[in-house]
Structure formats: structure tokens, C-alpha cells
Amino acid sequence: KLIALAGDTHNAWSSQLTTPEGSIAGVEFGCASVSSPGLEGVLGAE
């Protein structure tokens, strides 16, 4: 019953983890950053 947690990207994500065949293998939550800029630093906040 896999719960994968991740950082790194500076953005927040919630995803289903699936095998290439489409079976559910778990879930993933990626946290936002404490202070490093996310994609708003590239695209602008809006």
C-alpha cells in the first residue's frame, strides 16, 4: 500500500501511481517548497 512522498520540484503534486499496464500501484504526493521558486518563476504567478 504504497505512499510515495517527494520534494525537489518546488511545486505541489498529487498523482496516482500506475504500472505501464495501467494497474494501480499506489499514490504520490509531492510537496511545494519552503522558499525556492516554482514554475511561477518561469511563467509568472498568474
All heavy atoms as atom14 arrays in JSON, in Angstrom:
{
  "sequence": "KLIALAGDTHNAWSSQLTTPEGSIAGVEFGCASVSSPGLEGVLGAE",
  "atom14_mask": [
    [1, 1, 1, 1, 1, 1, 1, 1, 1, 0, 0, 0, 0, 0],
    [1, 1, 1, 1, 1, 1, 1, 1, 0, 0, 0, 0, 0, 0],
    [1, 1, 1, 1, 1, 1, 1, 1, 0, 0, 0, 0, 0, 0],
    [1, 1, 1, 1, 1, 0, 0, 0, 0, 0, 0, 0, 0, 0],
    [1, 1, 1, 1, 1, 1, 1, 1, 0, 0, 0, 0, 0, 0],
    [1, 1, 1, 1, 1, 0, 0, 0, 0, 0, 0, 0, 0, 0],
    [1, 1, 1, 1, 0, 0, 0, 0, 0, 0, 0, 0, 0, 0],
    [1, 1, 1, 1, 1, 1, 1, 1, 0, 0, 0, 0, 0, 0],
    [1, 1, 1, 1, 1, 1, 1, 0, 0, 0, 0, 0, 0, 0],
    [1, 1, 1, 1, 1, 1, 1, 1, 1, 1, 0, 0, 0, 0],
    [1, 1, 1, 1, 1, 1, 1, 1, 0, 0, 0, 0, 0, 0],
    [1, 1, 1, 1, 1, 0, 0, 0, 0, 0, 0, 0, 0, 0],
    [1, 1, 1, 1, 1, 1, 1, 1, 1, 1, 1, 1, 1, 1],
    [1, 1, 1, 1, 1, 1, 0, 0, 0, 0, 0, 0, 0, 0],
    [1, 1, 1, 1, 1, 1, 0, 0, 0, 0, 0, 0, 0, 0],
    [1, 1, 1, 1, 1, 1, 1, 1, 1, 0, 0, 0, 0, 0],
    [1, 1, 1, 1, 1, 1, 1, 1, 0, 0, 0, 0, 0, 0],
    [1, 1, 1, 1, 1, 1, 1, 0, 0, 0, 0, 0, 0, 0],
    [1, 1, 1, 1, 1, 1, 1, 0, 0, 0, 0, 0, 0, 0],
    [1, 1, 1, 1, 1, 1, 1, 0, 0, 0, 0, 0, 0, 0],
    [1, 1, 1, 1, 1, 1, 1, 1, 1, 0, 0, 0, 0, 0],
    [1, 1, 1, 1, 0, 0, 0, 0, 0, 0, 0, 0, 0, 0],
    [1, 1, 1, 1, 1, 1, 0, 0, 0, 0, 0, 0, 0, 0],
    [1, 1, 1, 1, 1, 1, 1, 1, 0, 0, 0, 0, 0, 0],
    [1, 1, 1, 1, 1, 0, 0, 0, 0, 0, 0, 0, 0, 0],
    [1, 1, 1, 1, 0, 0, 0, 0, 0, 0, 0, 0, 0, 0],
    [1, 1, 1, 1, 1, 1, 1, 0, 0, 0, 0, 0, 0, 0],
    [1, 1, 1, 1, 1, 1, 1, 1, 1, 0, 0, 0, 0, 0],
    [1, 1, 1, 1, 1, 1, 1, 1, 1, 1, 1, 0, 0, 0],
    [1, 1, 1, 1, 0, 0, 0, 0, 0, 0, 0, 0, 0, 0],
    [1, 1, 1, 1, 1, 1, 0, 0, 0, 0, 0, 0, 0, 0],
    [1, 1, 1, 1, 1, 0, 0, 0, 0, 0, 0, 0, 0, 0],
    [1, 1, 1, 1, 1, 1, 0, 0, 0, 0, 0, 0, 0, 0],
    [1, 1, 1, 1, 1, 1, 1, 0, 0, 0, 0, 0, 0, 0],
    [1, 1, 1, 1, 1, 1, 0, 0, 0, 0, 0, 0, 0, 0],
    [1, 1, 1, 1, 1, 1, 0, 0, 0, 0, 0, 0, 0, 0],
    [1, 1, 1, 1, 1, 1, 1, 0, 0, 0, 0, 0, 0, 0],
    [1, 1, 1, 1, 0, 0, 0, 0, 0, 0, 0, 0, 0, 0],
    [1, 1, 1, 1, 1, 1, 1, 1, 0, 0, 0, 0, 0, 0],
    [1, 1, 1, 1, 1, 1, 1, 1, 1, 0, 0, 0, 0, 0],
    [1, 1, 1, 1, 0, 0, 0, 0, 0, 0, 0, 0, 0, 0],
    [1, 1, 1, 1, 1, 1, 1, 0, 0, 0, 0, 0, 0, 0],
    [1, 1, 1, 1, 1, 1, 1, 1, 0, 0, 0, 0, 0, 0],
    [1, 1, 1, 1, 0, 0, 0, 0, 0, 0, 0, 0, 0, 0],
    [1, 1, 1, 1, 1, 0, 0, 0, 0, 0, 0, 0, 0, 0],
    [1, 1, 1, 1, 1, 1, 1, 1, 1, 0, 0, 0, 0, 0]
  ],
  "atom14_positions": [
    [[0.88, -1.16, 0.0], [0.0, 0.0, 0.0], [0.92, 1.21, 0.0], [1.23, 1.8, 1.02], [-0.92, -0.02, 1.21], [-1.77, -1.29, 1.31], [-2.57, -1.55, 0.02], [-3.36, -2.84, 0.12], [-4.07, -3.17, -1.15], [0.0, 0.0, 0.0], [0.0, 0.0, 0.0], [0.0, 0.0, 0.0], [0.0, 0.0, 0.0], [0.0, 0.0, 0.0]],
    [[1.37, 1.57, -1.2], [2.5, 2.46, -1.39], [2.07, 3.92, -1.39], [1.22, 4.34, -2.18], [3.18, 2.13, -2.72], [4.61, 2.61, -2.92], [5.55, 1.96, -1.92], [5.07, 2.29, -4.35], [0.0, 0.0, 0.0], [0.0, 0.0, 0.0], [0.0, 0.0, 0.0], [0.0, 0.0, 0.0], [0.0, 0.0, 0.0], [0.0, 0.0, 0.0]],
    [[2.69, 4.7, -0.5], [2.51, 6.15, -0.46], [3.88, 6.76, -0.72], [4.77, 6.72, 0.15], [1.99, 6.63, 0.91], [0.74, 5.85, 1.32], [1.72, 8.13, 0.87], [-0.45, 6.07, 0.45], [0.0, 0.0, 0.0], [0.0, 0.0, 0.0], [0.0, 0.0, 0.0], [0.0, 0.0, 0.0], [0.0, 0.0, 0.0], [0.0, 0.0, 0.0]],
    [[4.1, 7.29, -1.91], [5.39, 7.9, -2.25], [5.31, 9.4, -1.98], [4.38, 10.08, -2.41], [5.73, 7.65, -3.72], [0.0, 0.0, 0.0], [0.0, 0.0, 0.0], [0.0, 0.0, 0.0], [0.0, 0.0, 0.0], [0.0, 0.0, 0.0], [0.0, 0.0, 0.0], [0.0, 0.0, 0.0], [0.0, 0.0, 0.0], [0.0, 0.0, 0.0]],
    [[6.3, 9.91, -1.25], [6.39, 11.33, -0.95], [7.63, 11.89, -1.63], [8.68, 11.22, -1.67], [6.49, 11.55, 0.56], [5.36, 10.92, 1.4], [5.63, 11.11, 2.88], [4.0, 11.51, 1.02], [0.0, 0.0, 0.0], [0.0, 0.0, 0.0], [0.0, 0.0, 0.0], [0.0, 0.0, 0.0], [0.0, 0.0, 0.0], [0.0, 0.0, 0.0]],
    [[7.53, 13.1, -2.16], [8.64, 13.66, -2.93], [8.73, 15.16, -2.7], [7.75, 15.82, -2.34], [8.46, 13.37, -4.43], [0.0, 0.0, 0.0], [0.0, 0.0, 0.0], [0.0, 0.0, 0.0], [0.0, 0.0, 0.0], [0.0, 0.0, 0.0], [0.0, 0.0, 0.0], [0.0, 0.0, 0.0], [0.0, 0.0, 0.0], [0.0, 0.0, 0.0]],
    [[9.91, 15.7, -2.95], [10.14, 17.14, -2.91], [10.66, 17.61, -4.26], [10.08, 17.33, -5.3], [0.0, 0.0, 0.0], [0.0, 0.0, 0.0], [0.0, 0.0, 0.0], [0.0, 0.0, 0.0], [0.0, 0.0, 0.0], [0.0, 0.0, 0.0], [0.0, 0.0, 0.0], [0.0, 0.0, 0.0], [0.0, 0.0, 0.0], [0.0, 0.0, 0.0]],
    [[11.75, 18.37, -4.26], [12.57, 18.67, -5.42], [12.03, 19.7, -6.39], [12.75, 20.6, -6.81], [12.91, 17.39, -6.19], [13.8, 17.63, -7.39], [14.94, 18.1, -7.19], [13.36, 17.37, -8.53], [0.0, 0.0, 0.0], [0.0, 0.0, 0.0], [0.0, 0.0, 0.0], [0.0, 0.0, 0.0], [0.0, 0.0, 0.0], [0.0, 0.0, 0.0]],
    [[10.74, 19.63, -6.76], [10.26, 20.44, -7.89], [9.82, 21.85, -7.5], [9.58, 22.67, -8.37], [9.08, 19.76, -8.59], [7.96, 19.75, -7.7], [9.42, 18.35, -9.01], [0.0, 0.0, 0.0], [0.0, 0.0, 0.0], [0.0, 0.0, 0.0], [0.0, 0.0, 0.0], [0.0, 0.0, 0.0], [0.0, 0.0, 0.0], [0.0, 0.0, 0.0]],
    [[9.63, 22.09, -6.2], [9.14, 23.37, -5.66], [7.65, 23.56, -5.86], [7.1, 24.6, -5.47], [9.89, 24.58, -6.26], [11.37, 24.43, -6.26], [12.21, 25.26, -6.99], [12.2, 23.56, -5.62], [13.46, 24.9, -6.81], [13.47, 23.86, -5.98], [0.0, 0.0, 0.0], [0.0, 0.0, 0.0], [0.0, 0.0, 0.0], [0.0, 0.0, 0.0]],
    [[6.99, 22.6, -6.46], [5.56, 22.66, -6.73], [4.85, 21.5, -6.05], [5.47, 20.51, -5.68], [5.3, 22.62, -8.24], [5.99, 23.74, -8.98], [5.71, 24.92, -8.75], [6.93, 23.4, -9.86], [0.0, 0.0, 0.0], [0.0, 0.0, 0.0], [0.0, 0.0, 0.0], [0.0, 0.0, 0.0], [0.0, 0.0, 0.0], [0.0, 0.0, 0.0]],
    [[3.54, 21.6, -5.89], [2.75, 20.58, -5.21], [2.02, 19.71, -6.22], [1.4, 20.22, -7.16], [1.74, 21.25, -4.27], [0.0, 0.0, 0.0], [0.0, 0.0, 0.0], [0.0, 0.0, 0.0], [0.0, 0.0, 0.0], [0.0, 0.0, 0.0], [0.0, 0.0, 0.0], [0.0, 0.0, 0.0], [0.0, 0.0, 0.0], [0.0, 0.0, 0.0]],
    [[2.09, 18.39, -6.0], [1.5, 17.42, -6.92], [0.78, 16.33, -6.14], [1.23, 15.92, -5.07], [2.58, 16.75, -7.78], [3.6, 17.68, -8.37], [4.74, 18.11, -7.76], [3.59, 18.26, -9.66], [5.45, 18.94, -8.61], [4.76, 19.05, -9.79], [2.71, 18.2, -10.74], [5.07, 19.76, -10.95], [3.01, 18.91, -11.9], [4.18, 19.68, -11.99]],
    [[-0.29, 15.81, -6.71], [-0.97, 14.62, -6.18], [-1.29, 13.72, -7.36], [-2.03, 14.12, -8.27], [-2.27, 15.01, -5.45], [-2.0, 15.88, -4.37], [0.0, 0.0, 0.0], [0.0, 0.0, 0.0], [0.0, 0.0, 0.0], [0.0, 0.0, 0.0], [0.0, 0.0, 0.0], [0.0, 0.0, 0.0], [0.0, 0.0, 0.0], [0.0, 0.0, 0.0]],
    [[-0.72, 12.52, -7.34], [-0.79, 11.65, -8.52], [-1.1, 10.21, -8.14], [-0.74, 9.75, -7.06], [0.54, 11.67, -9.29], [0.79, 12.92, -9.85], [0.0, 0.0, 0.0], [0.0, 0.0, 0.0], [0.0, 0.0, 0.0], [0.0, 0.0, 0.0], [0.0, 0.0, 0.0], [0.0, 0.0, 0.0], [0.0, 0.0, 0.0], [0.0, 0.0, 0.0]],
    [[-1.74, 9.54, -9.08], [-1.9, 8.09, -8.98], [-0.63, 7.45, -9.51], [-0.08, 7.88, -10.53], [-3.1, 7.65, -9.83], [-3.63, 6.28, -9.49], [-4.46, 6.28, -8.21], [-5.45, 6.97, -8.11], [-4.03, 5.49, -7.23], [0.0, 0.0, 0.0], [0.0, 0.0, 0.0], [0.0, 0.0, 0.0], [0.0, 0.0, 0.0], [0.0, 0.0, 0.0]],
    [[-0.15, 6.42, -8.83], [0.97, 5.64, -9.33], [0.42, 4.41, -10.03], [-0.34, 3.64, -9.43], [1.91, 5.23, -8.19], [2.67, 6.34, -7.49], [3.49, 5.78, -6.32], [3.58, 7.09, -8.45], [0.0, 0.0, 0.0], [0.0, 0.0, 0.0], [0.0, 0.0, 0.0], [0.0, 0.0, 0.0], [0.0, 0.0, 0.0], [0.0, 0.0, 0.0]],
    [[0.81, 4.22, -11.28], [0.3, 3.09, -12.05], [1.45, 2.38, -12.76], [2.49, 2.97, -13.05], [-0.72, 3.55, -13.11], [-0.09, 4.49, -13.99], [-1.93, 4.2, -12.45], [0.0, 0.0, 0.0], [0.0, 0.0, 0.0], [0.0, 0.0, 0.0], [0.0, 0.0, 0.0], [0.0, 0.0, 0.0], [0.0, 0.0, 0.0], [0.0, 0.0, 0.0]],
    [[1.24, 1.11, -13.02], [2.18, 0.35, -13.83], [1.98, 0.7, -15.3], [0.96, 1.3, -15.66], [1.97, -1.16, -13.64], [0.71, -1.51, -14.22], [2.0, -1.54, -12.16], [0.0, 0.0, 0.0], [0.0, 0.0, 0.0], [0.0, 0.0, 0.0], [0.0, 0.0, 0.0], [0.0, 0.0, 0.0], [0.0, 0.0, 0.0], [0.0, 0.0, 0.0]],
    [[2.92, 0.34, -16.18], [2.71, 0.61, -17.62], [1.46, -0.06, -18.16], [0.9, 0.4, -19.17], [3.97, 0.04, -18.26], [5.01, 0.07, -17.19], [4.26, -0.2, -15.92], [0.0, 0.0, 0.0], [0.0, 0.0, 0.0], [0.0, 0.0, 0.0], [0.0, 0.0, 0.0], [0.0, 0.0, 0.0], [0.0, 0.0, 0.0], [0.0, 0.0, 0.0]],
    [[1.02, -1.12, -17.5], [-0.18, -1.81, -17.95], [-1.46, -1.16, -17.45], [-2.56, -1.59, -17.8], [-0.15, -3.27, -17.47], [1.01, -4.08, -18.04], [2.34, -3.78, -17.37], [2.33, -3.38, -16.18], [3.39, -3.92, -18.04], [0.0, 0.0, 0.0], [0.0, 0.0, 0.0], [0.0, 0.0, 0.0], [0.0, 0.0, 0.0], [0.0, 0.0, 0.0]],
    [[-1.32, -0.13, -16.59], [-2.48, 0.6, -16.12], [-3.0, 0.18, -14.76], [-4.0, 0.72, -14.28], [0.0, 0.0, 0.0], [0.0, 0.0, 0.0], [0.0, 0.0, 0.0], [0.0, 0.0, 0.0], [0.0, 0.0, 0.0], [0.0, 0.0, 0.0], [0.0, 0.0, 0.0], [0.0, 0.0, 0.0], [0.0, 0.0, 0.0], [0.0, 0.0, 0.0]],
    [[-2.33, -0.77, -14.09], [-2.77, -1.19, -12.76], [-2.36, -0.16, -11.72], [-1.28, 0.43, -11.8], [-2.14, -2.54, -12.4], [-2.55, -3.54, -13.3], [0.0, 0.0, 0.0], [0.0, 0.0, 0.0], [0.0, 0.0, 0.0], [0.0, 0.0, 0.0], [0.0, 0.0, 0.0], [0.0, 0.0, 0.0], [0.0, 0.0, 0.0], [0.0, 0.0, 0.0]],
    [[-3.2, 0.05, -10.72], [-2.87, 0.97, -9.63], [-1.81, 0.35, -8.75], [-1.94, -0.79, -8.28], [-4.12, 1.32, -8.82], [-5.07, 2.18, -9.66], [-3.76, 2.04, -7.52], [-6.37, 2.52, -8.98], [0.0, 0.0, 0.0], [0.0, 0.0, 0.0], [0.0, 0.0, 0.0], [0.0, 0.0, 0.0], [0.0, 0.0, 0.0], [0.0, 0.0, 0.0]],
    [[-0.72, 1.1, -8.51], [0.39, 0.61, -7.68], [0.59, 1.45, -6.43], [1.42, 1.11, -5.6], [1.69, 0.59, -8.5], [0.0, 0.0, 0.0], [0.0, 0.0, 0.0], [0.0, 0.0, 0.0], [0.0, 0.0, 0.0], [0.0, 0.0, 0.0], [0.0, 0.0, 0.0], [0.0, 0.0, 0.0], [0.0, 0.0, 0.0], [0.0, 0.0, 0.0]],
    [[-0.16, 2.54, -6.28], [0.0, 3.4, -5.11], [-0.39, 4.82, -5.44], [-1.04, 5.1, -6.46], [0.0, 0.0, 0.0], [0.0, 0.0, 0.0], [0.0, 0.0, 0.0], [0.0, 0.0, 0.0], [0.0, 0.0, 0.0], [0.0, 0.0, 0.0], [0.0, 0.0, 0.0], [0.0, 0.0, 0.0], [0.0, 0.0, 0.0], [0.0, 0.0, 0.0]],
    [[0.0, 5.74, -4.57], [-0.27, 7.16, -4.77], [1.0, 7.95, -4.47], [1.91, 7.46, -3.79], [-1.43, 7.66, -3.87], [-2.72, 6.95, -4.23], [-1.1, 7.47, -2.4], [0.0, 0.0, 0.0], [0.0, 0.0, 0.0], [0.0, 0.0, 0.0], [0.0, 0.0, 0.0], [0.0, 0.0, 0.0], [0.0, 0.0, 0.0], [0.0, 0.0, 0.0]],
    [[1.04, 9.17, -4.96], [2.21, 10.02, -4.74], [1.75, 11.44, -4.39], [0.81, 11.98, -4.98], [3.06, 10.09, -6.0], [4.21, 11.08, -5.9], [5.15, 11.03, -7.09], [4.72, 11.41, -8.2], [6.29, 10.58, -6.91], [0.0, 0.0, 0.0], [0.0, 0.0, 0.0], [0.0, 0.0, 0.0], [0.0, 0.0, 0.0], [0.0, 0.0, 0.0]],
    [[2.47, 12.02, -3.42], [2.26, 13.42, -3.07], [3.62, 14.12, -3.11], [4.56, 13.71, -2.43], [1.66, 13.56, -1.68], [0.34, 12.86, -1.52], [0.24, 11.69, -0.79], [-0.8, 13.36, -2.14], [-0.97, 11.04, -0.65], [-2.02, 12.72, -2.0], [-2.11, 11.54, -1.27], [0.0, 0.0, 0.0], [0.0, 0.0, 0.0], [0.0, 0.0, 0.0]],
    [[3.72, 15.15, -3.93], [4.92, 15.98, -3.98], [4.64, 17.3, -3.29], [3.63, 17.95, -3.58], [0.0, 0.0, 0.0], [0.0, 0.0, 0.0], [0.0, 0.0, 0.0], [0.0, 0.0, 0.0], [0.0, 0.0, 0.0], [0.0, 0.0, 0.0], [0.0, 0.0, 0.0], [0.0, 0.0, 0.0], [0.0, 0.0, 0.0], [0.0, 0.0, 0.0]],
    [[5.5, 17.7, -2.37], [5.23, 18.92, -1.6], [5.79, 20.15, -2.31], [6.76, 20.08, -3.06], [5.84, 18.81, -0.2], [7.64, 18.71, -0.14], [0.0, 0.0, 0.0], [0.0, 0.0, 0.0], [0.0, 0.0, 0.0], [0.0, 0.0, 0.0], [0.0, 0.0, 0.0], [0.0, 0.0, 0.0], [0.0, 0.0, 0.0], [0.0, 0.0, 0.0]],
    [[5.15, 21.28, -2.04], [5.67, 22.57, -2.5], [6.95, 22.89, -1.72], [7.29, 22.22, -0.74], [4.63, 23.66, -2.31], [0.0, 0.0, 0.0], [0.0, 0.0, 0.0], [0.0, 0.0, 0.0], [0.0, 0.0, 0.0], [0.0, 0.0, 0.0], [0.0, 0.0, 0.0], [0.0, 0.0, 0.0], [0.0, 0.0, 0.0], [0.0, 0.0, 0.0]],
    [[7.65, 23.93, -2.13], [8.9, 24.29, -1.47], [8.67, 25.19, -0.29], [7.63, 25.86, -0.17], [9.83, 24.99, -2.47], [9.3, 26.24, -2.84], [0.0, 0.0, 0.0], [0.0, 0.0, 0.0], [0.0, 0.0, 0.0], [0.0, 0.0, 0.0], [0.0, 0.0, 0.0], [0.0, 0.0, 0.0], [0.0, 0.0, 0.0], [0.0, 0.0, 0.0]],
    [[9.68, 25.25, 0.59], [9.68, 26.21, 1.68], [9.87, 27.62, 1.14], [9.18, 28.55, 1.52], [10.78, 25.86, 2.71], [10.92, 26.97, 3.76], [10.48, 24.53, 3.37], [0.0, 0.0, 0.0], [0.0, 0.0, 0.0], [0.0, 0.0, 0.0], [0.0, 0.0, 0.0], [0.0, 0.0, 0.0], [0.0, 0.0, 0.0], [0.0, 0.0, 0.0]],
    [[10.83, 27.78, 0.21], [11.07, 29.14, -0.31], [11.56, 29.18, -1.75], [11.5, 30.23, -2.37], [12.1, 29.87, 0.58], [13.34, 29.2, 0.57], [0.0, 0.0, 0.0], [0.0, 0.0, 0.0], [0.0, 0.0, 0.0], [0.0, 0.0, 0.0], [0.0, 0.0, 0.0], [0.0, 0.0, 0.0], [0.0, 0.0, 0.0], [0.0, 0.0, 0.0]],
    [[12.04, 28.1, -2.3], [12.55, 28.12, -3.67], [11.41, 28.35, -4.67], [10.32, 27.8, -4.5], [13.25, 26.81, -4.0], [14.4, 26.64, -3.2], [0.0, 0.0, 0.0], [0.0, 0.0, 0.0], [0.0, 0.0, 0.0], [0.0, 0.0, 0.0], [0.0, 0.0, 0.0], [0.0, 0.0, 0.0], [0.0, 0.0, 0.0], [0.0, 0.0, 0.0]],
    [[11.65, 29.15, -5.71], [10.57, 29.47, -6.65], [10.14, 28.26, -7.47], [10.96, 27.43, -7.87], [11.19, 30.55, -7.54], [12.67, 30.36, -7.42], [12.9, 29.86, -6.03], [0.0, 0.0, 0.0], [0.0, 0.0, 0.0], [0.0, 0.0, 0.0], [0.0, 0.0, 0.0], [0.0, 0.0, 0.0], [0.0, 0.0, 0.0], [0.0, 0.0, 0.0]],
    [[8.83, 28.17, -7.71], [8.29, 27.13, -8.56], [8.14, 27.62, -9.98], [8.85, 28.53, -10.42], [0.0, 0.0, 0.0], [0.0, 0.0, 0.0], [0.0, 0.0, 0.0], [0.0, 0.0, 0.0], [0.0, 0.0, 0.0], [0.0, 0.0, 0.0], [0.0, 0.0, 0.0], [0.0, 0.0, 0.0], [0.0, 0.0, 0.0], [0.0, 0.0, 0.0]],
    [[7.18, 27.06, -10.7], [7.01, 27.44, -12.1], [6.58, 28.89, -12.26], [6.71, 29.46, -13.35], [5.99, 26.53, -12.78], [6.56, 25.31, -13.51], [5.45, 24.52, -14.17], [7.62, 25.71, -14.53], [0.0, 0.0, 0.0], [0.0, 0.0, 0.0], [0.0, 0.0, 0.0], [0.0, 0.0, 0.0], [0.0, 0.0, 0.0], [0.0, 0.0, 0.0]],
    [[6.09, 29.5, -11.18], [5.75, 30.93, -11.3], [6.99, 31.76, -11.58], [6.9, 32.86, -12.14], [5.05, 31.42, -10.02], [5.95, 31.84, -8.87], [6.54, 30.66, -8.12], [6.21, 29.51, -8.46], [7.33, 30.87, -7.18], [0.0, 0.0, 0.0], [0.0, 0.0, 0.0], [0.0, 0.0, 0.0], [0.0, 0.0, 0.0], [0.0, 0.0, 0.0]],
    [[8.16, 31.24, -11.23], [9.4, 31.94, -11.53], [9.71, 31.96, -13.02], [10.45, 32.82, -13.49], [0.0, 0.0, 0.0], [0.0, 0.0, 0.0], [0.0, 0.0, 0.0], [0.0, 0.0, 0.0], [0.0, 0.0, 0.0], [0.0, 0.0, 0.0], [0.0, 0.0, 0.0], [0.0, 0.0, 0.0], [0.0, 0.0, 0.0], [0.0, 0.0, 0.0]],
    [[9.13, 31.03, -13.75], [9.32, 30.95, -15.21], [8.13, 31.56, -15.94], [8.31, 32.34, -16.89], [9.51, 29.48, -15.65], [9.63, 29.38, -17.17], [10.73, 28.87, -14.97], [0.0, 0.0, 0.0], [0.0, 0.0, 0.0], [0.0, 0.0, 0.0], [0.0, 0.0, 0.0], [0.0, 0.0, 0.0], [0.0, 0.0, 0.0], [0.0, 0.0, 0.0]],
    [[6.94, 31.22, -15.51], [5.73, 31.61, -16.23], [5.08, 32.87, -15.69], [4.23, 33.46, -16.36], [4.7, 30.47, -16.16], [5.14, 29.11, -16.7], [4.04, 28.09, -16.48], [5.52, 29.2, -18.17], [0.0, 0.0, 0.0], [0.0, 0.0, 0.0], [0.0, 0.0, 0.0], [0.0, 0.0, 0.0], [0.0, 0.0, 0.0], [0.0, 0.0, 0.0]],
    [[5.46, 33.28, -14.48], [4.73, 34.33, -13.78], [3.63, 33.7, -12.94], [3.1, 32.63, -13.28], [0.0, 0.0, 0.0], [0.0, 0.0, 0.0], [0.0, 0.0, 0.0], [0.0, 0.0, 0.0], [0.0, 0.0, 0.0], [0.0, 0.0, 0.0], [0.0, 0.0, 0.0], [0.0, 0.0, 0.0], [0.0, 0.0, 0.0], [0.0, 0.0, 0.0]],
    [[3.27, 34.35, -11.84], [2.34, 33.76, -10.89], [0.98, 33.48, -11.52], [0.38, 32.42, -11.31], [2.19, 34.67, -9.67], [0.0, 0.0, 0.0], [0.0, 0.0, 0.0], [0.0, 0.0, 0.0], [0.0, 0.0, 0.0], [0.0, 0.0, 0.0], [0.0, 0.0, 0.0], [0.0, 0.0, 0.0], [0.0, 0.0, 0.0], [0.0, 0.0, 0.0]],
    [[0.47, 34.43, -12.29], [-0.86, 34.26, -12.88], [-0.88, 33.12, -13.88], [-1.79, 32.28, -13.88], [-1.31, 35.56, -13.54], [-2.73, 35.51, -14.09], [-3.19, 36.85, -14.65], [-2.51, 37.87, -14.4], [-4.24, 36.86, -15.32], [0.0, 0.0, 0.0], [0.0, 0.0, 0.0], [0.0, 0.0, 0.0], [0.0, 0.0, 0.0], [0.0, 0.0, 0.0]]
  ]
}
